[in-house]
C-alpha atoms as a PDB file:
ATOM      1  CA  MET A   1      87.147 108.719  58.967  1.00  0.00           C
ATOM      2  CA  ASN A   2      89.709 105.826  60.616  1.00  0.00           C
ATOM      3  CA  GLU A   3      90.908 107.561  64.137  1.00  0.00           C
ATOM      4  CA  TYR A   4      93.834 104.340  64.182  1.00  0.00           C
ATOM      5  CA  ALA A   5      96.251 104.102  61.525  1.00  0.00           C
ATOM      6  CA  PHE A   6      96.577  99.609  61.963  1.00  0.00           C
ATOM      7  CA  ALA A   7      94.454  97.695  63.167  1.00  0.00           C
ATOM      8  CA  LEU A   8      97.045  95.922  66.072  1.00  0.00           C
ATOM      9  CA  SER A   9      99.835  97.387  67.636  1.00  0.00           C
ATOM     10  CA  ILE A  10     102.534  94.773  69.769  1.00  0.00           C
ATOM     11  CA  VAL A  11     104.684  96.673  72.007  1.00  0.00           C
ATOM     12  CA  VAL A  12     107.093  95.005  73.369  1.00  0.00           C
ATOM     13  CA  PRO A  13     109.232  96.214  76.047  1.00  0.00           C
ATOM     14  CA  VAL A  14     114.125  95.268  75.721  1.00  0.00           C
ATOM     15  CA  TYR A  15     115.865  94.777  78.307  1.00  0.00           C
ATOM     16  CA  ASN A  16     119.065  92.117  77.508  1.00  0.00           C
ATOM     17  CA  GLY A  17     117.191  90.805  74.740  1.00  0.00           C
ATOM     18  CA  ALA A  18     119.232  90.997  71.870  1.00  0.00           C
ATOM     19  CA  THR A  19     119.164  87.965  70.989  1.00  0.00           C
ATOM     20  CA  SER A  20     115.481  86.857  71.199  1.00  0.00           C
ATOM     21  CA  VAL A  21     114.391  90.161  69.719  1.00  0.00           C
ATOM     22  CA  PRO A  22     115.170  89.453  65.595  1.00  0.00           C
ATOM     23  CA  THR A  23     113.485  85.946  65.667  1.00  0.00           C
ATOM     24  CA  LEU A  24     110.306  87.446  67.650  1.00  0.00           C
ATOM     25  CA  VAL A  25     110.197  90.384  65.581  1.00  0.00           C
ATOM     26  CA  GLU A  26     110.339  87.895  62.485  1.00  0.00           C
ATOM     27  CA  ALA A  27     107.797  85.803  63.673  1.00  0.00           C
ATOM     28  CA  LEU A  28     105.682  88.900  64.477  1.00  0.00           C
ATOM     29  CA  SER A  29     106.591  90.387  61.018  1.00  0.00           C
ATOM     30  CA  ARG A  30     104.852  86.955  59.050  1.00  0.00           C
ATOM     31  CA  LEU A  31     101.130  87.473  60.976  1.00  0.00           C
ATOM     32  CA  GLU A  32      98.382  88.512  58.797  1.00  0.00           C
ATOM     33  CA  VAL A  33      96.233  91.203  60.412  1.00  0.00           C
ATOM     34  CA  PRO A  34      93.677  93.175  57.966  1.00  0.00           C
ATOM     35  CA  GLY A  35      93.999  96.453  58.803  1.00  0.00           C
ATOM     36  CA  GLY A  36      97.765  96.307  58.855  1.00  0.00           C
ATOM     37  CA  LEU A  37     100.164  95.509  61.605  1.00  0.00           C
ATOM     38  CA  GLU A  38     102.685  97.712  63.302  1.00  0.00           C
ATOM     39  CA  ILE A  39     105.456  96.408  65.792  1.00  0.00           C
ATOM     40  CA  VAL A  40     107.384  98.846  68.709  1.00  0.00           C
ATOM     41  CA  LEU A  41     109.945  97.919  70.756  1.00  0.00           C
ATOM     42  CA  VAL A  42     110.654 100.243  73.442  1.00  0.00           C
ATOM     43  CA  ASN A  43     114.447  99.583  74.329  1.00  0.00           C
ATOM     44  CA  ASP A  44     114.681 100.138  78.560  1.00  0.00           C
ATOM     45  CA  CYS A  45     118.524 101.561  79.027  1.00  0.00           C
ATOM     46  CA  SER A  46     119.520  97.833  78.113  1.00  0.00           C
ATOM     47  CA  PRO A  47     122.899  97.249  78.811  1.00  0.00           C
ATOM     48  CA  ASP A  48     123.684  94.735  76.168  1.00  0.00           C
ATOM     49  CA  ASN A  49     123.017  95.856  72.611  1.00  0.00           C
ATOM     50  CA  SER A  50     119.790  95.710  72.433  1.00  0.00           C
ATOM     51  CA  LEU A  51     119.507  99.126  70.667  1.00  0.00           C
ATOM     52  CA  ALA A  52     121.398  98.596  67.784  1.00  0.00           C
ATOM     53  CA  VAL A  53     120.009  95.129  66.829  1.00  0.00           C
ATOM     54  CA  CYS A  54     116.554  97.315  67.155  1.00  0.00           C
ATOM     55  CA  ARG A  55     118.097  99.851  64.761  1.00  0.00           C
ATOM     56  CA  ALA A  56     119.409  97.380  62.612  1.00  0.00           C
ATOM     57  CA  LEU A  57     115.714  95.566  62.716  1.00  0.00           C
ATOM     58  CA  ALA A  58     113.614  99.181  62.078  1.00  0.00           C
ATOM     59  CA  ALA A  59     116.147  99.674  58.762  1.00  0.00           C
ATOM     60  CA  GLU A  60     116.080  96.151  57.594  1.00  0.00           C
ATOM     61  CA  GLN A  61     112.045  95.608  58.617  1.00  0.00           C
ATOM     62  CA  SER A  62     109.514  95.357  55.974  1.00  0.00           C
ATOM     63  CA  VAL A  63     106.953  95.664  58.303  1.00  0.00           C
ATOM     64  CA  PRO A  64     105.930  99.037  60.297  1.00  0.00           C
ATOM     65  CA  LEU A  65     108.564  99.324  62.759  1.00  0.00           C
ATOM     66  CA  THR A  66     108.777 101.712  65.886  1.00  0.00           C
ATOM     67  CA  VAL A  67     112.187 101.619  68.462  1.00  0.00           C
ATOM     68  CA  VAL A  68     111.285 103.943  70.901  1.00  0.00           C
ATOM     69  CA  ASN A  69     114.482 104.279  73.340  1.00  0.00           C
ATOM     70  CA  LEU A  70     114.469 105.580  76.963  1.00  0.00           C
ATOM     71  CA  ALA A  71     117.321 107.765  78.461  1.00  0.00           C
ATOM     72  CA  ARG A  72     117.388 105.354  81.342  1.00  0.00           C
ATOM     73  CA  ASN A  73     116.080 102.317  83.049  1.00  0.00           C
ATOM     74  CA  PHE A  74     112.795 103.056  84.043  1.00  0.00           C
ATOM     75  CA  GLY A  75     111.342  99.609  84.626  1.00  0.00           C
ATOM     76  CA  GLU A  76     108.798  96.890  82.483  1.00  0.00           C
ATOM     77  CA  HIS A  77     105.802  99.056  83.257  1.00  0.00           C
ATOM     78  CA  ASN A  78     106.944 102.572  82.681  1.00  0.00           C
ATOM     79  CA  ALA A  79     108.987 100.807  79.900  1.00  0.00           C
ATOM     80  CA  VAL A  80     104.812  99.743  78.402  1.00  0.00           C
ATOM     81  CA  MET A  81     103.568 103.315  79.300  1.00  0.00           C
ATOM     82  CA  ALA A  82     105.940 104.559  76.651  1.00  0.00           C
ATOM     83  CA  GLY A  83     105.117 102.149  74.213  1.00  0.00           C
ATOM     84  CA  LEU A  84     101.453 102.499  74.527  1.00  0.00           C
ATOM     85  CA  ALA A  85     101.761 106.258  74.086  1.00  0.00           C
ATOM     86  CA  GLN A  86     103.404 105.372  70.792  1.00  0.00           C
ATOM     87  CA  ALA A  87     101.529 102.405  69.381  1.00  0.00           C
ATOM     88  CA  ARG A  88      98.895 104.145  66.933  1.00  0.00           C
ATOM     89  CA  GLY A  89      96.471 100.593  67.021  1.00  0.00           C
ATOM     90  CA  ALA A  90      93.041  99.830  67.494  1.00  0.00           C
ATOM     91  CA  TYR A  91      93.866  97.279  69.399  1.00  0.00           C
ATOM     92  CA  ILE A  92      97.345  96.794  71.122  1.00  0.00           C
ATOM     93  CA  ILE A  93      99.311  93.748  72.533  1.00  0.00           C
ATOM     94  CA  THR A  94     101.964  93.774  75.260  1.00  0.00           C
ATOM     95  CA  MET A  95     104.314  90.945  75.488  1.00  0.00           C
ATOM     96  CA  ASP A  96     107.490  89.990  76.337  1.00  0.00           C
ATOM     97  CA  ASP A  97     110.770  90.116  74.650  1.00  0.00           C
ATOM     98  CA  ASP A  98     111.350  86.061  75.840  1.00  0.00           C
ATOM     99  CA  LEU A  99     109.670  84.336  73.335  1.00  0.00           C
ATOM    100  CA  GLN A 100     107.957  82.524  75.977  1.00  0.00           C
ATOM    101  CA  ASN A 101     104.253  83.216  74.746  1.00  0.00           C
ATOM    102  CA  PRO A 102     104.445  81.824  71.137  1.00  0.00           C
ATOM    103  CA  PRO A 103     104.102  84.566  68.525  1.00  0.00           C
ATOM    104  CA  GLU A 104     100.877  81.992  66.186  1.00  0.00           C
ATOM    105  CA  GLU A 105      98.840  83.620  69.946  1.00  0.00           C
ATOM    106  CA  VAL A 106      99.191  87.007  68.889  1.00  0.00           C
ATOM    107  CA  THR A 107      96.558  86.943  65.945  1.00  0.00           C
ATOM    108  CA  ARG A 108      94.474  84.409  68.196  1.00  0.00           C
ATOM    109  CA  LEU A 109      94.361  87.112  71.444  1.00  0.00           C
ATOM    110  CA  TRP A 110      93.579  89.666  68.976  1.00  0.00           C
ATOM    111  CA  GLU A 111      90.460  87.739  67.083  1.00  0.00           C
ATOM    112  CA  TYR A 112      89.080  87.026  70.028  1.00  0.00           C
ATOM    113  CA  ALA A 113      89.324  90.236  71.656  1.00  0.00           C
ATOM    114  CA  ARG A 114      88.059  92.143  68.806  1.00  0.00           C
ATOM    115  CA  SER A 115      84.853  89.366  68.053  1.00  0.00           C
ATOM    116  CA  ASN A 116      83.683  89.780  71.776  1.00  0.00           C
ATOM    117  CA  SER A 117      83.908  93.780  72.155  1.00  0.00           C
ATOM    118  CA  TYR A 118      86.377  92.902  75.038  1.00  0.00           C
ATOM    119  CA  ASP A 119      88.681  96.500  76.184  1.00  0.00           C
ATOM    120  CA  VAL A 120      90.701  94.176  77.766  1.00  0.00           C
ATOM    121  CA  VAL A 121      91.883  90.794  77.338  1.00  0.00           C
ATOM    122  CA  TYR A 122      94.617  88.712  80.100  1.00  0.00           C
ATOM    123  CA  THR A 123      96.166  85.435  78.935  1.00  0.00           C
ATOM    124  CA  TYR A 124      96.433  82.656  81.334  1.00  0.00           C
ATOM    125  CA  TYR A 125      99.023  79.573  80.997  1.00  0.00           C
ATOM    126  CA  ALA A 126      97.563  75.347  81.916  1.00  0.00           C
ATOM    127  CA  LYS A 127     101.211  75.716  83.256  1.00  0.00           C
ATOM    128  CA  LYS A 128     103.051  78.471  83.436  1.00  0.00           C
ATOM    129  CA  GLU A 129     107.629  77.309  82.556  1.00  0.00           C
ATOM    130  CA  HIS A 130     108.410  80.276  85.325  1.00  0.00           C
ATOM    131  CA  ALA A 131     110.700  78.990  88.284  1.00  0.00           C
ATOM    132  CA  GLY A 132     108.731  78.224  91.863  1.00  0.00           C
ATOM    133  CA  TRP A 133     109.848  81.582  93.552  1.00  0.00           C
ATOM    134  CA  ARG A 134     108.361  83.297  90.499  1.00  0.00           C
ATOM    135  CA  ASN A 135     105.487  81.850  90.322  1.00  0.00           C
ATOM    136  CA  LEU A 136     104.611  81.730  94.362  1.00  0.00           C
ATOM    137  CA  GLY A 137     105.318  85.359  93.917  1.00  0.00           C
ATOM    138  CA  SER A 138     102.525  85.557  91.361  1.00  0.00           C
ATOM    139  CA  ARG A 139      99.727  83.684  93.095  1.00  0.00           C
ATOM    140  CA  PHE A 140     100.584  86.290  96.018  1.00  0.00           C
ATOM    141  CA  THR A 141     100.546  89.336  93.897  1.00  0.00           C
ATOM    142  CA  ASN A 142      97.189  88.060  91.978  1.00  0.00           C
ATOM    143  CA  TRP A 143      95.488  87.384  95.649  1.00  0.00           C
ATOM    144  CA  CYS A 144      96.666  91.098  96.960  1.00  0.00           C
ATOM    145  CA  ALA A 145      95.078  92.435  93.307  1.00  0.00           C
ATOM    146  CA  ASP A 146      91.963  90.632  94.272  1.00  0.00           C
ATOM    147  CA  MET A 147      91.533  93.233  97.405  1.00  0.00           C
ATOM    148  CA  LEU A 148      93.680  96.471  96.478  1.00  0.00           C
ATOM    149  CA  ILE A 149      92.470  97.330  92.257  1.00  0.00           C
ATOM    150  CA  ASP A 150      89.258  96.050  92.267  1.00  0.00           C
ATOM    151  CA  LYS A 151      90.025  93.272  89.938  1.00  0.00           C
ATOM    152  CA  PRO A 152      87.470  90.287  88.545  1.00  0.00           C
ATOM    153  CA  LYS A 153      87.827  87.697  90.453  1.00  0.00           C
ATOM    154  CA  GLY A 154      89.747  84.516  88.905  1.00  0.00           C
ATOM    155  CA  LEU A 155      91.232  86.394  86.694  1.00  0.00           C
ATOM    156  CA  TYR A 156      95.046  86.338  86.266  1.00  0.00           C
ATOM    157  CA  LEU A 157      96.924  89.177  85.576  1.00  0.00           C
ATOM    158  CA  SER A 158      99.627  88.565  82.738  1.00  0.00           C
ATOM    159  CA  SER A 159     102.015  90.969  80.495  1.00  0.00           C
ATOM    160  CA  PHE A 160     100.639  89.225  77.492  1.00  0.00           C
ATOM    161  CA  ARG A 161      97.581  90.978  77.137  1.00  0.00           C
ATOM    162  CA  CYS A 162      95.473  92.940  74.322  1.00  0.00           C
ATOM    163  CA  VAL A 163      93.843  96.289  75.297  1.00  0.00           C
ATOM    164  CA  SER A 164      91.866  98.308  72.891  1.00  0.00           C
ATOM    165  CA  GLY A 165      92.924 101.763  71.656  1.00  0.00           C
ATOM    166  CA  PHE A 166      89.849 103.344  73.314  1.00  0.00           C
ATOM    167  CA  THR A 167      91.581 101.727  77.088  1.00  0.00           C
ATOM    168  CA  ALA A 168      95.056 102.449  75.986  1.00  0.00           C
ATOM    169  CA  ARG A 169      94.076 106.024  75.819  1.00  0.00           C
ATOM    170  CA  HIS A 170      92.995 106.270  78.691  1.00  0.00           C
ATOM    171  CA  VAL A 171      96.126 104.959  80.273  1.00  0.00           C
ATOM    172  CA  VAL A 172      98.374 106.671  79.649  1.00  0.00           C
ATOM    173  CA  ALA A 173      97.037 109.961  80.546  1.00  0.00           C
ATOM    174  CA  HIS A 174      98.080 108.721  83.703  1.00  0.00           C
ATOM    175  CA  SER A 175     101.579 110.605  84.369  1.00  0.00           C
ATOM    176  CA  GLY A 176     102.451 109.001  87.273  1.00  0.00           C
ATOM    177  CA  PRO A 177     106.432 107.994  88.302  1.00  0.00           C
ATOM    178  CA  PHE A 178     105.634 104.314  89.704  1.00  0.00           C
ATOM    179  CA  PRO A 179     102.916 103.511  87.064  1.00  0.00           C
ATOM    180  CA  TYR A 180     100.823  99.810  87.387  1.00  0.00           C
ATOM    181  CA  VAL A 181      99.352  99.339  84.114  1.00  0.00           C
ATOM    182  CA  ASP A 182      97.218  96.975  85.252  1.00  0.00           C
ATOM    183  CA  GLY A 183      95.880  98.878  87.674  1.00  0.00           C
ATOM    184  CA  LEU A 184      95.328 101.375  85.849  1.00  0.00           C
ATOM    185  CA  ILE A 185      93.333  98.945  83.276  1.00  0.00           C
ATOM    186  CA  MET A 186      90.728  98.431  86.296  1.00  0.00           C
ATOM    187  CA  GLN A 187      90.230 102.412  86.823  1.00  0.00           C
ATOM    188  CA  VAL A 188      89.398 102.499  83.106  1.00  0.00           C
ATOM    189  CA  THR A 189      87.148  99.667  82.422  1.00  0.00           C
ATOM    190  CA  GLN A 190      85.292  96.171  83.860  1.00  0.00           C
ATOM    191  CA  ASN A 191      85.373  94.897  80.402  1.00  0.00           C
ATOM    192  CA  ILE A 192      87.971  92.451  80.844  1.00  0.00           C
ATOM    193  CA  GLY A 193      88.092  88.691  78.599  1.00  0.00           C
ATOM    194  CA  ARG A 194      90.697  85.726  79.248  1.00  0.00           C
ATOM    195  CA  LEU A 195      91.903  83.383  77.276  1.00  0.00           C
ATOM    196  CA  GLU A 196      94.150  80.822  78.036  1.00  0.00           C
ATOM    197  CA  VAL A 197      97.073  80.425  75.696  1.00  0.00           C
ATOM    198  CA  LYS A 198     100.425  78.179  75.693  1.00  0.00           C
ATOM    199  CA  HIS A 199     103.465  79.308  77.848  1.00  0.00           C
ATOM    200  CA  LEU A 200     106.508  78.025  76.544  1.00  0.00           C
ATOM    201  CA  ALA A 201     110.086  77.762  78.479  1.00  0.00           C
ATOM    202  CA  ARG A 202     112.372  80.004  78.188  1.00  0.00           C
ATOM    203  CA  ALA A 203     114.939  79.699  75.232  1.00  0.00           C
ATOM    204  CA  GLU A 204     117.767  81.639  76.838  1.00  0.00           C
ATOM    205  CA  GLY A 205     119.809  83.491  79.595  1.00  0.00           C
ATOM    206  CA  ARG A 206     117.443  84.270  82.948  1.00  0.00           C
ATOM    207  CA  SER A 207     114.117  86.355  84.017  1.00  0.00           C
ATOM    208  CA  ASN A 208     115.163  89.998  84.278  1.00  0.00           C
ATOM    209  CA  TYR A 209     112.899  90.357  87.042  1.00  0.00           C
ATOM    210  CA  THR A 210     115.093  90.189  89.968  1.00  0.00           C
ATOM    211  CA  LEU A 211     113.064  90.587  93.881  1.00  0.00           C
ATOM    212  CA  ARG A 212     114.202  93.982  93.917  1.00  0.00           C
ATOM    213  CA  ARG A 213     111.791  94.523  90.721  1.00  0.00           C
ATOM    214  CA  LEU A 214     108.777  92.568  91.975  1.00  0.00           C
ATOM    215  CA  LEU A 215     109.025  94.104  95.402  1.00  0.00           C
ATOM    216  CA  ARG A 216     108.861  97.364  93.744  1.00  0.00           C
ATOM    217  CA  LEU A 217     106.464  96.084  91.430  1.00  0.00           C
ATOM    218  CA  PHE A 218     104.455  94.933  94.355  1.00  0.00           C
ATOM    219  CA  LEU A 219     104.465  98.063  96.192  1.00  0.00           C
ATOM    220  CA  SER A 220     103.360  99.872  93.394  1.00  0.00           C
ATOM    221  CA  MET A 221     100.354  97.564  93.154  1.00  0.00           C
ATOM    222  CA  PHE A 222      99.382  97.661  96.757  1.00  0.00           C
ATOM    223  CA  LEU A 223     100.295 101.222  97.867  1.00  0.00           C
ATOM    224  CA  ASN A 224      99.187 103.509  94.019  1.00  0.00           C
ATOM    225  CA  PHE A 225      95.127 102.288  93.935  1.00  0.00           C
ATOM    226  CA  SER A 226      93.916 101.781  97.657  1.00  0.00           C
ATOM    227  CA  VAL A 227      94.009 103.691 100.893  1.00  0.00           C
ATOM    228  CA  MET A 228      93.496  99.850 102.377  1.00  0.00           C
ATOM    229  CA  PRO A 229      96.980  99.776 103.565  1.00  0.00           C
ATOM    230  CA  LEU A 230      96.384 103.359 105.687  1.00  0.00           C
ATOM    231  CA  ARG A 231      93.352 101.214 107.046  1.00  0.00           C
ATOM    232  CA  MET A 232      95.071  98.313 108.179  1.00  0.00           C
ATOM    233  CA  ALA A 233      97.829 100.663 110.097  1.00  0.00           C
ATOM    234  CA  THR A 234      94.559 101.744 111.548  1.00  0.00           C
ATOM    235  CA  LEU A 235      93.492  98.627 112.681  1.00  0.00           C
ATOM    236  CA  ALA A 236      96.656  96.888 113.841  1.00  0.00           C
ATOM    237  CA  GLY A 237      97.287 100.101 116.151  1.00  0.00           C
ATOM    238  CA  ILE A 238      93.513  99.916 116.788  1.00  0.00           C
ATOM    239  CA  GLY A 239      94.440  96.360 118.061  1.00  0.00           C
ATOM    240  CA  VAL A 240      97.685  96.921 119.803  1.00  0.00           C
ATOM    241  CA  ALA A 241      96.052  99.710 121.840  1.00  0.00           C
ATOM    242  CA  ALA A 242      93.517  96.911 123.088  1.00  0.00           C
ATOM    243  CA  LEU A 243      95.887  94.197 123.799  1.00  0.00           C
ATOM    244  CA  GLY A 244      97.631  97.336 125.870  1.00  0.00           C
ATOM    245  CA  VAL A 245      94.150  98.105 127.643  1.00  0.00           C
ATOM    246  CA  ILE A 246      93.789  94.153 128.573  1.00  0.00           C
ATOM    247  CA  GLY A 247      97.228  94.532 129.588  1.00  0.00           C
ATOM    248  CA  ALA A 248      97.013  97.266 131.635  1.00  0.00           C
ATOM    249  CA  LEU A 249      93.213  96.330 133.494  1.00  0.00           C
ATOM    250  CA  TRP A 250      95.533  92.572 134.349  1.00  0.00           C
ATOM    251  CA  VAL A 251      98.468  94.329 136.012  1.00  0.00           C
ATOM    252  CA  ILE A 252      95.759  96.191 138.212  1.00  0.00           C
ATOM    253  CA  LEU A 253      94.130  93.631 139.182  1.00  0.00           C
ATOM    254  CA  GLU A 254      96.855  91.298 140.055  1.00  0.00           C
ATOM    255  CA  ALA A 255      97.855  94.646 141.813  1.00  0.00           C
ATOM    256  CA  LEU A 256      94.838  94.547 143.871  1.00  0.00           C
ATOM    257  CA  ARG A 257      95.075  90.932 144.644  1.00  0.00           C
ATOM    258  CA  GLY A 258      98.431  91.663 146.379  1.00  0.00           C
ATOM    259  CA  ASP A 259     101.018  89.767 143.803  1.00  0.00           C
ATOM    260  CA  PRO A 260     102.071  92.670 141.089  1.00  0.00           C
ATOM    261  CA  PRO A 261     103.823  91.605 138.239  1.00  0.00           C
ATOM    262  CA  GLN A 262     107.576  91.643 138.226  1.00  0.00           C
ATOM    263  CA  GLY A 263     110.417  91.989 135.782  1.00  0.00           C
ATOM    264  CA  TRP A 264     110.922  94.792 133.080  1.00  0.00           C
ATOM    265  CA  ALA A 265     111.784  91.920 130.977  1.00  0.00           C
ATOM    266  CA  SER A 266     107.699  92.053 129.871  1.00  0.00           C
ATOM    267  CA  LEU A 267     107.434  95.857 129.912  1.00  0.00           C
ATOM    268  CA  MET A 268     110.528  96.115 127.313  1.00  0.00           C
ATOM    269  CA  ALA A 269     108.602  93.256 124.903  1.00  0.00           C
ATOM    270  CA  VAL A 270     105.527  95.193 125.145  1.00  0.00           C
ATOM    271  CA  THR A 271     107.112  98.310 124.621  1.00  0.00           C
ATOM    272  CA  LEU A 272     109.299  97.123 121.824  1.00  0.00           C
ATOM    273  CA  VAL A 273     106.273  95.723 120.445  1.00  0.00           C
ATOM    274  CA  LEU A 274     104.093  98.991 120.088  1.00  0.00           C
ATOM    275  CA  ALA A 275     106.983 100.899 118.858  1.00  0.00           C
ATOM    276  CA  GLY A 276     107.049  98.383 116.050  1.00  0.00           C
ATOM    277  CA  VAL A 277     103.337  98.705 115.136  1.00  0.00           C
ATOM    278  CA  GLN A 278     103.852 102.469 115.284  1.00  0.00           C
ATOM    279  CA  LEU A 279     107.226 102.476 113.127  1.00  0.00           C
ATOM    280  CA  MET A 280     105.154  99.888 110.032  1.00  0.00           C
ATOM    281  CA  MET A 281     102.304 102.569 110.778  1.00  0.00           C
ATOM    282  CA  LEU A 282     104.636 105.866 109.732  1.00  0.00           C
ATOM    283  CA  GLY A 283     106.195 103.475 107.315  1.00  0.00           C
ATOM    284  CA  VAL A 284     103.105 102.971 106.018  1.00  0.00           C
ATOM    285  CA  VAL A 285     102.275 106.479 105.602  1.00  0.00           C
ATOM    286  CA  GLY A 286     105.757 107.880 104.929  1.00  0.00           C
ATOM    287  CA  GLU A 287     105.914 105.690 101.258  1.00  0.00           C
ATOM    288  CA  TYR A 288     102.517 107.392 100.567  1.00  0.00           C
ATOM    289  CA  LEU A 289     103.931 110.839 100.956  1.00  0.00           C
ATOM    290  CA  GLY A 290     107.312 110.210  99.724  1.00  0.00           C
ATOM    291  CA  ARG A 291     105.420 109.004  96.073  1.00  0.00           C
ATOM    292  CA  LEU A 292     103.057 112.185  96.492  1.00  0.00           C
ATOM    293  CA  PHE A 293     106.180 114.529  97.069  1.00  0.00           C
ATOM    294  CA  LEU A 294     108.236 112.496  93.746  1.00  0.00           C
ATOM    295  CA  HIS A 295     104.949 113.144  91.596  1.00  0.00           C
ATOM    296  CA  VAL A 296     104.650 116.437  92.865  1.00  0.00           C
ATOM    297  CA  ASN A 297     108.092 117.309  92.164  1.00  0.00           C
ATOM    298  CA  GLY A 298     107.392 116.737  88.038  1.00  0.00           C
ATOM    299  CA  LYS A 299     109.970 113.141  88.789  1.00  0.00           C
ATOM    300  CA  PRO A 300     109.018 111.368  84.898  1.00  0.00           C
ATOM    301  CA  GLN A 301     107.206 107.962  84.651  1.00  0.00           C
ATOM    302  CA  TYR A 302     109.731 107.760  81.329  1.00  0.00           C
ATOM    303  CA  VAL A 303     112.183 109.681  78.807  1.00  0.00           C
ATOM    304  CA  VAL A 304     112.429 108.880  75.542  1.00  0.00           C
ATOM    305  CA  ARG A 305     115.999 109.862  74.204  1.00  0.00           C
ATOM    306  CA  GLU A 306     114.585 108.973  70.477  1.00  0.00           C
ATOM    307  CA  VAL A 307     111.638 107.263  68.324  1.00  0.00           C
ATOM    308  CA  ILE A 308     112.687 105.627  65.500  1.00  0.00           C
ATOM    309  CA  ARG A 309     110.201 104.884  63.064  1.00  0.00           C
ATOM    310  CA  ASN A 310     110.832 103.065  59.416  1.00  0.00           C
ATOM    311  CA  GLU A 311     109.148 105.307  57.303  1.00  0.00           C
ATOM    312  CA  ALA A 312     108.982 103.098  54.052  1.00  0.00           C
ATOM    313  CA  ALA A 313     107.356 100.475  55.590  1.00  0.00           C
ATOM    314  CA  ASP A 314     105.089 102.683  57.765  1.00  0.00           C
ATOM    315  CA  LYS A 315     103.511 104.103  54.716  1.00  0.00           C
ATOM    316  CA  ALA A 316     103.051 100.596  52.869  1.00  0.00           C
ATOM    317  CA  GLY A 317     101.900  99.330  55.954  1.00  0.00           C
ATOM    318  CA  ARG A 318      98.676 101.970  56.207  1.00  0.00           C
ATOM    319  CA  SER A 319      98.155 102.002  52.456  1.00  0.00           C
END
């Protein structure tokens, strides 16, 4: 007996997507997938009328469609985790709701993952239609990921990805409040492929990723999957201590020569540098402890208010 109800699930986190989601769902519903297709829309407590739009789509669509309504805004990666937990496909594709990923690329991505028996396939773009600061941030994040999460060299981490049901099942076993989906994937498997796809300009609106959201995502990657920040803090402490020893030796030598250095300015500068490094190291340790505290005290990864399924289409899709 097949443990998966569908051949393919498509998970779409929705935030300020009331105008784009109907177009996306309409295009996805026309895809032909042998073995059945389901769509999972995760409303991340969007401030517009995205929930009402998703409800209407669930009521009128003939393709199996599930709406997961979160109780508050948890962030994209938390919403993806909620969608992966509800998805019932042998393969699961995650994609944004902004129509920058052409729906026709979905089946090509799925077939590529399936035919090559990959656990995960990430997409990459010959040309990205993002703002310059977003592209710069993505390059920096990918560079950090090379060092921190055991990412295969040259692999671009994209939100448009295909994961096997096996991989998804192990990823959603993580219950921490600050998930970083790509880091969790790297902990499960290294059987990963890459596929070039088209990237379209945003049809309307602007990116939901603010600098604050990107910083939060970076911290999740930086702190959740490596103790390297603690090692970097240790090395920084050793380096500053070495400079302090060198400075002390210099002061002693100058004093022995009868020309001791004068003035408080240099002393204060050294003191401030030392204090700054110590505070930085305390901040890194504090961030680790804070995240551990929130996890131990049960801060939720996400809270589902309701799950809506179009049951008739669901049965038809599996028949």
